[in-house]
PDB file of N, CA and C in Angstrom:
ATOM      1  N   UNK A   1     -68.361   5.015 -11.945  1.00  0.00           N
ATOM      2  CA  UNK A   1     -67.546   5.553 -10.635  1.00  0.00           C
ATOM      3  C   UNK A   1     -66.617   6.191 -10.455  1.00  0.00           C
ATOM      4  N   UNK A   2     -66.192   6.852  -9.965  1.00  0.00           N
ATOM      5  CA  UNK A   2     -64.694   7.637  -9.892  1.00  0.00           C
ATOM      6  C   UNK A   2     -64.449   6.817  -8.560  1.00  0.00           C
ATOM      7  N   UNK A   3     -63.388   7.181  -8.896  1.00  0.00           N
ATOM      8  CA  UNK A   3     -62.194   6.517  -7.781  1.00  0.00           C
ATOM      9  C   UNK A   3     -61.985   7.608  -7.228  1.00  0.00           C
ATOM     10  N   UNK A   4     -61.887   7.583  -5.962  1.00  0.00           N
ATOM     11  CA  UNK A   4     -60.889   8.596  -4.534  1.00  0.00           C
ATOM     12  C   UNK A   4     -59.429   8.793  -5.015  1.00  0.00           C
ATOM     13  N   UNK A   5     -59.083   9.992  -5.478  1.00  0.00           N
ATOM     14  CA  UNK A   5     -57.504   9.510  -5.106  1.00  0.00           C
ATOM     15  C   UNK A   5     -56.693   9.271  -3.978  1.00  0.00           C
ATOM     16  N   UNK A   6     -55.874   8.725  -3.735  1.00  0.00           N
ATOM     17  CA  UNK A   6     -55.224   8.115  -2.365  1.00  0.00           C
ATOM     18  C   UNK A   6     -54.274   9.106  -1.745  1.00  0.00           C
ATOM     19  N   UNK A   7     -54.302   8.821  -0.867  1.00  0.00           N
ATOM     20  CA  UNK A   7     -53.472  10.066   0.090  1.00  0.00           C
ATOM     21  C   UNK A   7     -51.952   9.343  -0.046  1.00  0.00           C
ATOM     22  N   UNK A   8     -51.576  10.396   0.320  1.00  0.00           N
ATOM     23  CA  UNK A   8     -49.933  10.283   0.557  1.00  0.00           C
ATOM     24  C   UNK A   8     -49.495   9.300   1.712  1.00  0.00           C
ATOM     25  N   UNK A   9     -50.519   9.323   2.393  1.00  0.00           N
ATOM     26  CA  UNK A   9     -50.324   7.683   3.108  1.00  0.00           C
ATOM     27  C   UNK A   9     -50.613   6.584   2.801  1.00  0.00           C
ATOM     28  N   UNK A  10     -51.181   6.605   1.971  1.00  0.00           N
ATOM     29  CA  UNK A  10     -52.188   5.340   1.437  1.00  0.00           C
ATOM     30  C   UNK A  10     -50.670   4.955   0.310  1.00  0.00           C
ATOM     31  N   UNK A  11     -50.144   6.324  -0.449  1.00  0.00           N
ATOM     32  CA  UNK A  11     -49.164   5.823  -1.226  1.00  0.00           C
ATOM     33  C   UNK A  11     -47.658   5.440  -0.770  1.00  0.00           C
ATOM     34  N   UNK A  12     -47.607   5.728   0.349  1.00  0.00           N
ATOM     35  CA  UNK A  12     -46.467   5.463   1.173  1.00  0.00           C
ATOM     36  C   UNK A  12     -46.616   4.236   1.672  1.00  0.00           C
ATOM     37  N   UNK A  13     -47.869   4.025   2.064  1.00  0.00           N
ATOM     38  CA  UNK A  13     -48.172   1.816   2.853  1.00  0.00           C
ATOM     39  C   UNK A  13     -47.869   1.555   1.176  1.00  0.00           C
ATOM     40  N   UNK A  14     -48.207   1.538  -0.118  1.00  0.00           N
ATOM     41  CA  UNK A  14     -47.592   0.787  -0.974  1.00  0.00           C
ATOM     42  C   UNK A  14     -46.555   0.599  -1.338  1.00  0.00           C
ATOM     43  N   UNK A  15     -45.792   1.689  -1.323  1.00  0.00           N
ATOM     44  CA  UNK A  15     -44.238   1.691  -1.361  1.00  0.00           C
ATOM     45  C   UNK A  15     -43.394   0.719  -0.726  1.00  0.00           C
ATOM     46  N   UNK A  16     -44.115   1.020   1.305  1.00  0.00           N
ATOM     47  CA  UNK A  16     -43.346  -0.114   2.367  1.00  0.00           C
ATOM     48  C   UNK A  16     -43.887  -1.545   1.782  1.00  0.00           C
ATOM     49  N   UNK A  17     -45.150  -1.480   1.262  1.00  0.00           N
ATOM     50  CA  UNK A  17     -45.760  -2.962   1.184  1.00  0.00           C
ATOM     51  C   UNK A  17     -44.761  -3.424  -0.094  1.00  0.00           C
ATOM     52  N   UNK A  18     -44.650  -2.749  -1.571  1.00  0.00           N
ATOM     53  CA  UNK A  18     -44.032  -3.120  -2.569  1.00  0.00           C
ATOM     54  C   UNK A  18     -42.333  -3.370  -2.187  1.00  0.00           C
ATOM     55  N   UNK A  19     -42.205  -2.455  -1.135  1.00  0.00           N
ATOM     56  CA  UNK A  19     -40.679  -2.992  -0.805  1.00  0.00           C
ATOM     57  C   UNK A  19     -40.253  -4.335  -0.034  1.00  0.00           C
ATOM     58  N   UNK A  20     -40.942  -4.321   0.529  1.00  0.00           N
ATOM     59  CA  UNK A  20     -41.080  -5.986   1.825  1.00  0.00           C
ATOM     60  C   UNK A  20     -41.523  -6.930   0.560  1.00  0.00           C
ATOM     61  N   UNK A  21     -41.625  -6.835  -0.208  1.00  0.00           N
ATOM     62  CA  UNK A  21     -41.677  -8.114  -1.073  1.00  0.00           C
ATOM     63  C   UNK A  21     -40.939  -7.802  -2.145  1.00  0.00           C
ATOM     64  N   UNK A  22     -40.657  -6.977  -2.230  1.00  0.00           N
ATOM     65  CA  UNK A  22     -39.054  -7.296  -3.230  1.00  0.00           C
ATOM     66  C   UNK A  22     -37.946  -7.458  -2.168  1.00  0.00           C
ATOM     67  N   UNK A  23     -37.992  -7.243  -0.798  1.00  0.00           N
ATOM     68  CA  UNK A  23     -36.495  -7.999  -0.433  1.00  0.00           C
ATOM     69  C   UNK A  23     -37.208  -9.128   0.166  1.00  0.00           C
ATOM     70  N   UNK A  24     -38.145  -9.274   0.324  1.00  0.00           N
ATOM     71  CA  UNK A  24     -38.405 -10.916   0.865  1.00  0.00           C
ATOM     72  C   UNK A  24     -38.365 -12.184  -0.366  1.00  0.00           C
ATOM     73  N   UNK A  25     -38.784 -11.323  -1.247  1.00  0.00           N
ATOM     74  CA  UNK A  25     -37.489 -12.117  -2.896  1.00  0.00           C
ATOM     75  C   UNK A  25     -37.220 -12.732  -2.869  1.00  0.00           C
ATOM     76  N   UNK A  26     -35.682 -11.433  -2.610  1.00  0.00           N
ATOM     77  CA  UNK A  26     -34.819 -11.847  -2.353  1.00  0.00           C
ATOM     78  C   UNK A  26     -33.645 -12.027  -3.792  1.00  0.00           C
ATOM     79  N   UNK A  27     -33.064 -13.396  -3.546  1.00  0.00           N
ATOM     80  CA  UNK A  27     -32.552 -13.582  -4.656  1.00  0.00           C
ATOM     81  C   UNK A  27     -33.226 -14.156  -6.389  1.00  0.00           C
ATOM     82  N   UNK A  28     -34.597 -14.551  -5.423  1.00  0.00           N
ATOM     83  CA  UNK A  28     -35.139 -14.737  -6.812  1.00  0.00           C
ATOM     84  C   UNK A  28     -35.764 -14.295  -7.670  1.00  0.00           C
ATOM     85  N   UNK A  29     -36.044 -14.992  -8.798  1.00  0.00           N
ATOM     86  CA  UNK A  29     -36.592 -13.492 -10.327  1.00  0.00           C
ATOM     87  C   UNK A  29     -37.614 -13.182 -10.151  1.00  0.00           C
ATOM     88  N   UNK A  30     -37.821 -11.975 -10.780  1.00  0.00           N
ATOM     89  CA  UNK A  30     -39.357 -11.743 -10.670  1.00  0.00           C
ATOM     90  C   UNK A  30     -39.819 -12.762 -11.611  1.00  0.00           C
ATOM     91  N   UNK A  31     -39.252 -13.074 -12.484  1.00  0.00           N
ATOM     92  CA  UNK A  31     -40.334 -14.278 -13.865  1.00  0.00           C
ATOM     93  C   UNK A  31     -40.340 -15.808 -12.354  1.00  0.00           C
ATOM     94  N   UNK A  32     -40.171 -16.008 -11.612  1.00  0.00           N
ATOM     95  CA  UNK A  32     -40.173 -16.728 -10.808  1.00  0.00           C
ATOM     96  C   UNK A  32     -41.483 -16.760  -9.649  1.00  0.00           C
ATOM     97  N   UNK A  33     -41.979 -15.535  -9.030  1.00  0.00           N
ATOM     98  CA  UNK A  33     -42.517 -15.324  -7.843  1.00  0.00           C
ATOM     99  C   UNK A  33     -43.855 -14.998  -8.959  1.00  0.00           C
ATOM    100  N   UNK A  34     -43.308 -14.269 -10.163  1.00  0.00           N
ATOM    101  CA  UNK A  34     -44.987 -13.864 -10.729  1.00  0.00           C
ATOM    102  C   UNK A  34     -45.604 -15.479 -10.899  1.00  0.00           C
ATOM    103  N   UNK A  35     -44.650 -16.144 -11.503  1.00  0.00           N
ATOM    104  CA  UNK A  35     -45.634 -17.124 -12.228  1.00  0.00           C
ATOM    105  C   UNK A  35     -45.774 -18.208 -10.766  1.00  0.00           C
ATOM    106  N   UNK A  36     -45.338 -18.360  -9.389  1.00  0.00           N
ATOM    107  CA  UNK A  36     -45.748 -18.907  -8.554  1.00  0.00           C
ATOM    108  C   UNK A  36     -46.934 -18.117  -7.812  1.00  0.00           C
ATOM    109  N   UNK A  37     -47.044 -17.281  -7.926  1.00  0.00           N
ATOM    110  CA  UNK A  37     -48.378 -16.077  -7.752  1.00  0.00           C
ATOM    111  C   UNK A  37     -49.528 -15.503  -8.017  1.00  0.00           C
ATOM    112  N   UNK A  38     -49.053 -16.478  -9.570  1.00  0.00           N
ATOM    113  CA  UNK A  38     -50.197 -16.296 -10.787  1.00  0.00           C
ATOM    114  C   UNK A  38     -50.600 -14.599 -11.342  1.00  0.00           C
ATOM    115  N   UNK A  39     -49.322 -14.223 -12.063  1.00  0.00           N
ATOM    116  CA  UNK A  39     -49.949 -13.124 -12.151  1.00  0.00           C
ATOM    117  C   UNK A  39     -48.279 -12.383 -13.028  1.00  0.00           C
ATOM    118  N   UNK A  40     -48.528 -11.667 -13.729  1.00  0.00           N
ATOM    119  CA  UNK A  40     -47.731 -10.867 -14.882  1.00  0.00           C
ATOM    120  C   UNK A  40     -46.534 -10.092 -14.155  1.00  0.00           C
ATOM    121  N   UNK A  41     -45.510 -10.456 -14.583  1.00  0.00           N
ATOM    122  CA  UNK A  41     -44.150  -9.923 -14.197  1.00  0.00           C
ATOM    123  C   UNK A  41     -44.493  -8.161 -14.346  1.00  0.00           C
ATOM    124  N   UNK A  42     -45.386  -7.723 -15.768  1.00  0.00           N
ATOM    125  CA  UNK A  42     -45.594  -6.446 -15.294  1.00  0.00           C
ATOM    126  C   UNK A  42     -45.668  -6.478 -14.033  1.00  0.00           C
ATOM    127  N   UNK A  43     -47.194  -6.379 -13.774  1.00  0.00           N
ATOM    128  CA  UNK A  43     -47.770  -6.450 -12.229  1.00  0.00           C
ATOM    129  C   UNK A  43     -47.181  -6.136 -11.133  1.00  0.00           C
ATOM    130  N   UNK A  44     -46.349  -7.237 -10.756  1.00  0.00           N
ATOM    131  CA  UNK A  44     -44.839  -7.701 -10.019  1.00  0.00           C
ATOM    132  C   UNK A  44     -44.197  -6.602  -8.999  1.00  0.00           C
ATOM    133  N   UNK A  45     -43.978  -6.180 -11.399  1.00  0.00           N
ATOM    134  CA  UNK A  45     -42.740  -5.347 -11.184  1.00  0.00           C
ATOM    135  C   UNK A  45     -43.904  -3.541 -10.490  1.00  0.00           C
ATOM    136  N   UNK A  46     -44.710  -3.623 -11.288  1.00  0.00           N
ATOM    137  CA  UNK A  46     -45.805  -2.462 -10.589  1.00  0.00           C
ATOM    138  C   UNK A  46     -45.944  -2.163  -9.361  1.00  0.00           C
ATOM    139  N   UNK A  47     -46.503  -3.667  -8.263  1.00  0.00           N
ATOM    140  CA  UNK A  47     -46.680  -3.719  -7.164  1.00  0.00           C
ATOM    141  C   UNK A  47     -45.445  -3.091  -6.161  1.00  0.00           C
ATOM    142  N   UNK A  48     -44.111  -4.071  -6.740  1.00  0.00           N
ATOM    143  CA  UNK A  48     -42.552  -3.561  -6.082  1.00  0.00           C
ATOM    144  C   UNK A  48     -42.286  -1.976  -6.704  1.00  0.00           C
ATOM    145  N   UNK A  49     -42.528  -1.273  -6.979  1.00  0.00           N
ATOM    146  CA  UNK A  49     -42.049  -0.043  -7.364  1.00  0.00           C
ATOM    147  C   UNK A  49     -43.359   0.763  -7.025  1.00  0.00           C
ATOM    148  N   UNK A  50     -44.235   0.729  -6.232  1.00  0.00           N
ATOM    149  CA  UNK A  50     -45.202   1.206  -5.320  1.00  0.00           C
ATOM    150  C   UNK A  50     -46.520   2.016  -7.014  1.00  0.00           C
ATOM    151  N   UNK A  51     -46.020   1.038  -8.062  1.00  0.00           N
ATOM    152  CA  UNK A  51     -47.010   1.630  -8.998  1.00  0.00           C
ATOM    153  C   UNK A  51     -48.586   1.592  -8.396  1.00  0.00           C
ATOM    154  N   UNK A  52     -48.612   0.348  -8.103  1.00  0.00           N
ATOM    155  CA  UNK A  52     -49.850  -0.375  -7.301  1.00  0.00           C
ATOM    156  C   UNK A  52     -49.831  -0.440  -6.301  1.00  0.00           C
ATOM    157  N   UNK A  53     -50.469   0.823  -5.859  1.00  0.00           N
ATOM    158  CA  UNK A  53     -50.038   1.050  -3.913  1.00  0.00           C
ATOM    159  C   UNK A  53     -51.397   0.223  -3.969  1.00  0.00           C
ATOM    160  N   UNK A  54     -52.326  -0.415  -4.227  1.00  0.00           N
ATOM    161  CA  UNK A  54     -52.700  -0.977  -3.192  1.00  0.00           C
ATOM    162  C   UNK A  54     -54.059  -2.402  -4.521  1.00  0.00           C
ATOM    163  N   UNK A  55     -53.130  -3.241  -4.658  1.00  0.00           N
ATOM    164  CA  UNK A  55     -53.145  -4.839  -4.976  1.00  0.00           C
ATOM    165  C   UNK A  55     -54.328  -5.202  -4.853  1.00  0.00           C
ATOM    166  N   UNK A  56     -54.969  -5.984  -5.996  1.00  0.00           N
ATOM    167  CA  UNK A  56     -55.804  -6.658  -4.756  1.00  0.00           C
ATOM    168  C   UNK A  56     -55.810  -7.655  -3.808  1.00  0.00           C
ATOM    169  N   UNK A  57     -56.726  -7.985  -3.102  1.00  0.00           N
ATOM    170  CA  UNK A  57     -56.239  -8.617  -2.225  1.00  0.00           C
ATOM    171  C   UNK A  57     -55.779  -9.995  -2.294  1.00  0.00           C
ATOM    172  N   UNK A  58     -56.595 -10.691  -3.248  1.00  0.00           N
ATOM    173  CA  UNK A  58     -55.983 -11.954  -3.761  1.00  0.00           C
ATOM    174  C   UNK A  58     -54.654 -11.690  -4.205  1.00  0.00           C
ATOM    175  N   UNK A  59     -54.559 -10.991  -4.913  1.00  0.00           N
ATOM    176  CA  UNK A  59     -52.871 -10.703  -5.104  1.00  0.00           C
ATOM    177  C   UNK A  59     -51.752 -10.984  -4.155  1.00  0.00           C
ATOM    178  N   UNK A  60     -52.264  -9.983  -3.305  1.00  0.00           N
ATOM    179  CA  UNK A  60     -51.343 -10.007  -2.097  1.00  0.00           C
ATOM    180  C   UNK A  60     -51.290 -11.167  -1.520  1.00  0.00           C
ATOM    181  N   UNK A  61     -52.183 -12.004  -1.241  1.00  0.00           N
ATOM    182  CA  UNK A  61     -52.571 -13.145  -0.561  1.00  0.00           C
ATOM    183  C   UNK A  61     -50.900 -14.112  -1.603  1.00  0.00           C
ATOM    184  N   UNK A  62     -51.370 -14.505  -2.821  1.00  0.00           N
ATOM    185  CA  UNK A  62     -50.585 -15.099  -3.589  1.00  0.00           C
ATOM    186  C   UNK A  62     -49.201 -14.389  -3.495  1.00  0.00           C
ATOM    187  N   UNK A  63     -48.996 -13.835  -3.281  1.00  0.00           N
ATOM    188  CA  UNK A  63     -47.768 -12.851  -3.699  1.00  0.00           C
ATOM    189  C   UNK A  63     -47.092 -13.582  -2.169  1.00  0.00           C
ATOM    190  N   UNK A  64     -47.331 -12.846  -0.951  1.00  0.00           N
ATOM    191  CA  UNK A  64     -47.134 -13.268   0.117  1.00  0.00           C
ATOM    192  C   UNK A  64     -46.751 -15.210   0.458  1.00  0.00           C
ATOM    193  N   UNK A  65     -47.466 -15.946  -0.279  1.00  0.00           N
ATOM    194  CA  UNK A  65     -47.634 -16.913  -0.159  1.00  0.00           C
ATOM    195  C   UNK A  65     -46.235 -17.347  -1.074  1.00  0.00           C
ATOM    196  N   UNK A  66     -46.230 -17.132  -2.138  1.00  0.00           N
ATOM    197  CA  UNK A  66     -44.850 -17.106  -2.804  1.00  0.00           C
ATOM    198  C   UNK A  66     -43.653 -16.299  -2.462  1.00  0.00           C
ATOM    199  N   UNK A  67     -43.856 -15.798  -1.960  1.00  0.00           N
ATOM    200  CA  UNK A  67     -42.542 -15.507  -1.481  1.00  0.00           C
ATOM    201  C   UNK A  67     -41.824 -15.408   0.062  1.00  0.00           C
ATOM    202  N   UNK A  68     -43.149 -16.574   0.807  1.00  0.00           N
ATOM    203  CA  UNK A  68     -43.131 -17.051   2.249  1.00  0.00           C
ATOM    204  C   UNK A  68     -43.231 -16.348   3.150  1.00  0.00           C
ATOM    205  N   UNK A  69     -43.928 -14.986   3.042  1.00  0.00           N
ATOM    206  CA  UNK A  69     -44.135 -14.324   3.977  1.00  0.00           C
ATOM    207  C   UNK A  69     -45.616 -14.346   4.806  1.00  0.00           C
ATOM    208  N   UNK A  70     -45.953 -14.605   5.927  1.00  0.00           N
ATOM    209  CA  UNK A  70     -47.839 -14.461   6.651  1.00  0.00           C
ATOM    210  C   UNK A  70     -48.131 -13.057   6.374  1.00  0.00           C
ATOM    211  N   UNK A  71     -49.179 -13.088   6.033  1.00  0.00           N
ATOM    212  CA  UNK A  71     -49.758 -12.117   5.391  1.00  0.00           C
ATOM    213  C   UNK A  71     -50.185 -10.796   6.806  1.00  0.00           C
ATOM    214  N   UNK A  72     -50.417 -11.424   7.696  1.00  0.00           N
ATOM    215  CA  UNK A  72     -49.771 -10.838   8.414  1.00  0.00           C
ATOM    216  C   UNK A  72     -48.505  -9.759   9.447  1.00  0.00           C
ATOM    217  N   UNK A  73     -47.522 -10.667   8.523  1.00  0.00           N
ATOM    218  CA  UNK A  73     -46.264 -10.054   8.758  1.00  0.00           C
ATOM    219  C   UNK A  73     -46.377  -8.621   7.869  1.00  0.00           C
ATOM    220  N   UNK A  74     -46.167  -9.166   6.735  1.00  0.00           N
ATOM    221  CA  UNK A  74     -46.598  -8.173   5.416  1.00  0.00           C
ATOM    222  C   UNK A  74     -47.734  -7.253   5.578  1.00  0.00           C
ATOM    223  N   UNK A  75     -48.642  -7.260   6.557  1.00  0.00           N
ATOM    224  CA  UNK A  75     -49.260  -6.168   6.616  1.00  0.00           C
ATOM    225  C   UNK A  75     -48.533  -4.883   8.061  1.00  0.00           C
ATOM    226  N   UNK A  76     -48.446  -5.962   8.943  1.00  0.00           N
ATOM    227  CA  UNK A  76     -47.724  -5.079   9.957  1.00  0.00           C
ATOM    228  C   UNK A  76     -46.136  -4.183   9.042  1.00  0.00           C
ATOM    229  N   UNK A  77     -45.284  -4.849   8.222  1.00  0.00           N
ATOM    230  CA  UNK A  77     -44.461  -4.420   7.166  1.00  0.00           C
ATOM    231  C   UNK A  77     -45.082  -2.876   6.579  1.00  0.00           C
ATOM    232  N   UNK A  78     -46.323  -3.340   5.678  1.00  0.00           N
ATOM    233  CA  UNK A  78     -46.592  -1.802   5.184  1.00  0.00           C
ATOM    234  C   UNK A  78     -47.069  -0.753   6.014  1.00  0.00           C
ATOM    235  N   UNK A  79     -47.986  -1.388   7.477  1.00  0.00           N
ATOM    236  CA  UNK A  79     -48.424   0.086   7.679  1.00  0.00           C
ATOM    237  C   UNK A  79     -47.393   0.399   9.124  1.00  0.00           C
ATOM    238  N   UNK A  80     -46.468  -0.463   9.290  1.00  0.00           N
ATOM    239  CA  UNK A  80     -45.676  -0.416  10.592  1.00  0.00           C
ATOM    240  C   UNK A  80     -44.847   1.239   9.902  1.00  0.00           C
ATOM    241  N   UNK A  81     -44.932   2.023  11.006  1.00  0.00           N
ATOM    242  CA  UNK A  81     -44.290   3.682  11.107  1.00  0.00           C
ATOM    243  C   UNK A  81     -44.155   3.883  11.918  1.00  0.00           C
ATOM    244  N   UNK A  82     -42.564   5.022  12.324  1.00  0.00           N
ATOM    245  CA  UNK A  82     -42.308   5.368  13.437  1.00  0.00           C
ATOM    246  C   UNK A  82     -42.263   6.979  13.303  1.00  0.00           C
ATOM    247  N   UNK A  83     -42.931   7.481  12.536  1.00  0.00           N
ATOM    248  CA  UNK A  83     -42.209   8.420  12.540  1.00  0.00           C
ATOM    249  C   UNK A  83     -43.819   9.899  12.712  1.00  0.00           C
ATOM    250  N   UNK A  84     -44.216  10.533  12.599  1.00  0.00           N
ATOM    251  CA  UNK A  84     -45.241  11.490  12.775  1.00  0.00           C
ATOM    252  C   UNK A  84     -45.988  11.817  11.408  1.00  0.00           C
ATOM    253  N   UNK A  85     -45.104  11.566  10.011  1.00  0.00           N
ATOM    254  CA  UNK A  85     -45.973  11.305   8.754  1.00  0.00           C
ATOM    255  C   UNK A  85     -46.473  10.308   8.522  1.00  0.00           C
ATOM    256  N   UNK A  86     -45.936   9.160   9.096  1.00  0.00           N
ATOM    257  CA  UNK A  86     -46.414   7.470   9.663  1.00  0.00           C
ATOM    258  C   UNK A  86     -45.371   6.812   7.874  1.00  0.00           C
ATOM    259  N   UNK A  87     -44.588   7.514   7.536  1.00  0.00           N
ATOM    260  CA  UNK A  87     -43.342   6.985   6.975  1.00  0.00           C
ATOM    261  C   UNK A  87     -42.143   6.607   7.304  1.00  0.00           C
ATOM    262  N   UNK A  88     -42.010   5.288   7.291  1.00  0.00           N
ATOM    263  CA  UNK A  88     -40.421   4.562   7.742  1.00  0.00           C
ATOM    264  C   UNK A  88     -39.056   5.791   7.484  1.00  0.00           C
ATOM    265  N   UNK A  89     -38.190   5.146   8.391  1.00  0.00           N
ATOM    266  CA  UNK A  89     -37.088   6.088   7.690  1.00  0.00           C
ATOM    267  C   UNK A  89     -36.108   5.271   6.618  1.00  0.00           C
ATOM    268  N   UNK A  90     -35.574   5.868   5.265  1.00  0.00           N
ATOM    269  CA  UNK A  90     -34.845   5.174   4.776  1.00  0.00           C
ATOM    270  C   UNK A  90     -33.591   4.844   5.263  1.00  0.00           C
ATOM    271  N   UNK A  91     -33.493   3.007   5.040  1.00  0.00           N
ATOM    272  CA  UNK A  91     -32.346   2.291   5.480  1.00  0.00           C
ATOM    273  C   UNK A  91     -32.730   1.354   6.612  1.00  0.00           C
ATOM    274  N   UNK A  92     -33.805   1.826   7.788  1.00  0.00           N
ATOM    275  CA  UNK A  92     -34.203   1.181   9.107  1.00  0.00           C
ATOM    276  C   UNK A  92     -34.177  -0.020   8.546  1.00  0.00           C
ATOM    277  N   UNK A  93     -34.089  -1.248   9.353  1.00  0.00           N
ATOM    278  CA  UNK A  93     -33.972  -2.639   9.347  1.00  0.00           C
ATOM    279  C   UNK A  93     -35.406  -3.103  10.011  1.00  0.00           C
ATOM    280  N   UNK A  94     -35.998  -3.763   9.227  1.00  0.00           N
ATOM    281  CA  UNK A  94     -37.540  -4.156   9.830  1.00  0.00           C
ATOM    282  C   UNK A  94     -37.137  -5.817   9.847  1.00  0.00           C
ATOM    283  N   UNK A  95     -38.217  -6.956  10.975  1.00  0.00           N
ATOM    284  CA  UNK A  95     -38.149  -8.078  10.662  1.00  0.00           C
ATOM    285  C   UNK A  95     -38.923  -8.704   9.649  1.00  0.00           C
ATOM    286  N   UNK A  96     -38.550  -9.517   8.981  1.00  0.00           N
ATOM    287  CA  UNK A  96     -39.260 -10.531   8.113  1.00  0.00           C
ATOM    288  C   UNK A  96     -38.984 -11.908   8.021  1.00  0.00           C
ATOM    289  N   UNK A  97     -40.178 -12.116   8.306  1.00  0.00           N
ATOM    290  CA  UNK A  97     -40.140 -13.884   8.575  1.00  0.00           C
ATOM    291  C   UNK A  97     -39.331 -14.710   7.559  1.00  0.00           C
ATOM    292  N   UNK A  98     -39.011 -15.770   8.109  1.00  0.00           N
ATOM    293  CA  UNK A  98     -37.804 -16.417   7.369  1.00  0.00           C
ATOM    294  C   UNK A  98     -36.961 -15.657   6.403  1.00  0.00           C
ATOM    295  N   UNK A  99     -36.494 -14.710   6.838  1.00  0.00           N
ATOM    296  CA  UNK A  99     -35.831 -13.557   5.927  1.00  0.00           C
ATOM    297  C   UNK A  99     -34.548 -12.808   6.768  1.00  0.00           C
ATOM    298  N   UNK A 100     -34.933 -13.086   8.050  1.00  0.00           N
ATOM    299  CA  UNK A 100     -34.155 -12.548   8.764  1.00  0.00           C
ATOM    300  C   UNK A 100     -34.551 -10.996   9.018  1.00  0.00           C
ATOM    301  N   UNK A 101     -33.961  -9.908   8.184  1.00  0.00           N
ATOM    302  CA  UNK A 101     -34.556  -8.517   8.136  1.00  0.00           C
ATOM    303  C   UNK A 101     -34.416  -7.523   6.966  1.00  0.00           C
ATOM    304  N   UNK A 102     -34.714  -6.951   6.817  1.00  0.00           N
ATOM    305  CA  UNK A 102     -34.539  -5.926   5.411  1.00  0.00           C
ATOM    306  C   UNK A 102     -34.509  -4.503   5.650  1.00  0.00           C
ATOM    307  N   UNK A 103     -33.996  -3.807   5.138  1.00  0.00           N
ATOM    308  CA  UNK A 103     -34.049  -2.698   5.044  1.00  0.00           C
ATOM    309  C   UNK A 103     -34.760  -1.905   3.762  1.00  0.00           C
ATOM    310  N   UNK A 104     -35.535  -1.372   3.954  1.00  0.00           N
ATOM    311  CA  UNK A 104     -36.377  -0.027   3.329  1.00  0.00           C
ATOM    312  C   UNK A 104     -35.467   0.932   3.424  1.00  0.00           C
ATOM    313  N   UNK A 105     -36.329   0.994   1.586  1.00  0.00           N
ATOM    314  CA  UNK A 105     -35.536   2.055   0.598  1.00  0.00           C
ATOM    315  C   UNK A 105     -36.522   3.115   0.882  1.00  0.00           C
ATOM    316  N   UNK A 106     -35.394   4.652   0.952  1.00  0.00           N
ATOM    317  CA  UNK A 106     -36.027   5.879   0.787  1.00  0.00           C
ATOM    318  C   UNK A 106     -37.518   5.970   0.481  1.00  0.00           C
ATOM    319  N   UNK A 107     -38.545   6.319   0.926  1.00  0.00           N
ATOM    320  CA  UNK A 107     -39.806   6.312   0.104  1.00  0.00           C
ATOM    321  C   UNK A 107     -40.194   7.884  -0.208  1.00  0.00           C
ATOM    322  N   UNK A 108     -40.149   8.639  -1.923  1.00  0.00           N
ATOM    323  CA  UNK A 108     -40.216   9.953  -2.191  1.00  0.00           C
ATOM    324  C   UNK A 108     -41.793  10.183  -2.279  1.00  0.00           C
TER     325      UNK A 108
END
């Protein structure tokens, strides 16, 4: 089976998902969150940096539970856009449950 390449919008959504997870992690270490979610630290690193833009559903569920962000809010953060190209602006502040708000990094 051949995997269809991701679109730019899908890659950008993966980067926003990673940024939201990274910000929700706060001061907790990657080791702690990865262990709590039952994934490797390298997998968490790749998700947070957008190198795995479409992680498996149950991986996202485990990470959402580990960082304390409800799935619907995590989805909204990953899907939210305010520009025609579908990418939020760098430095824009968005709400995150139990964490106040976070600023999204630039998406390259």
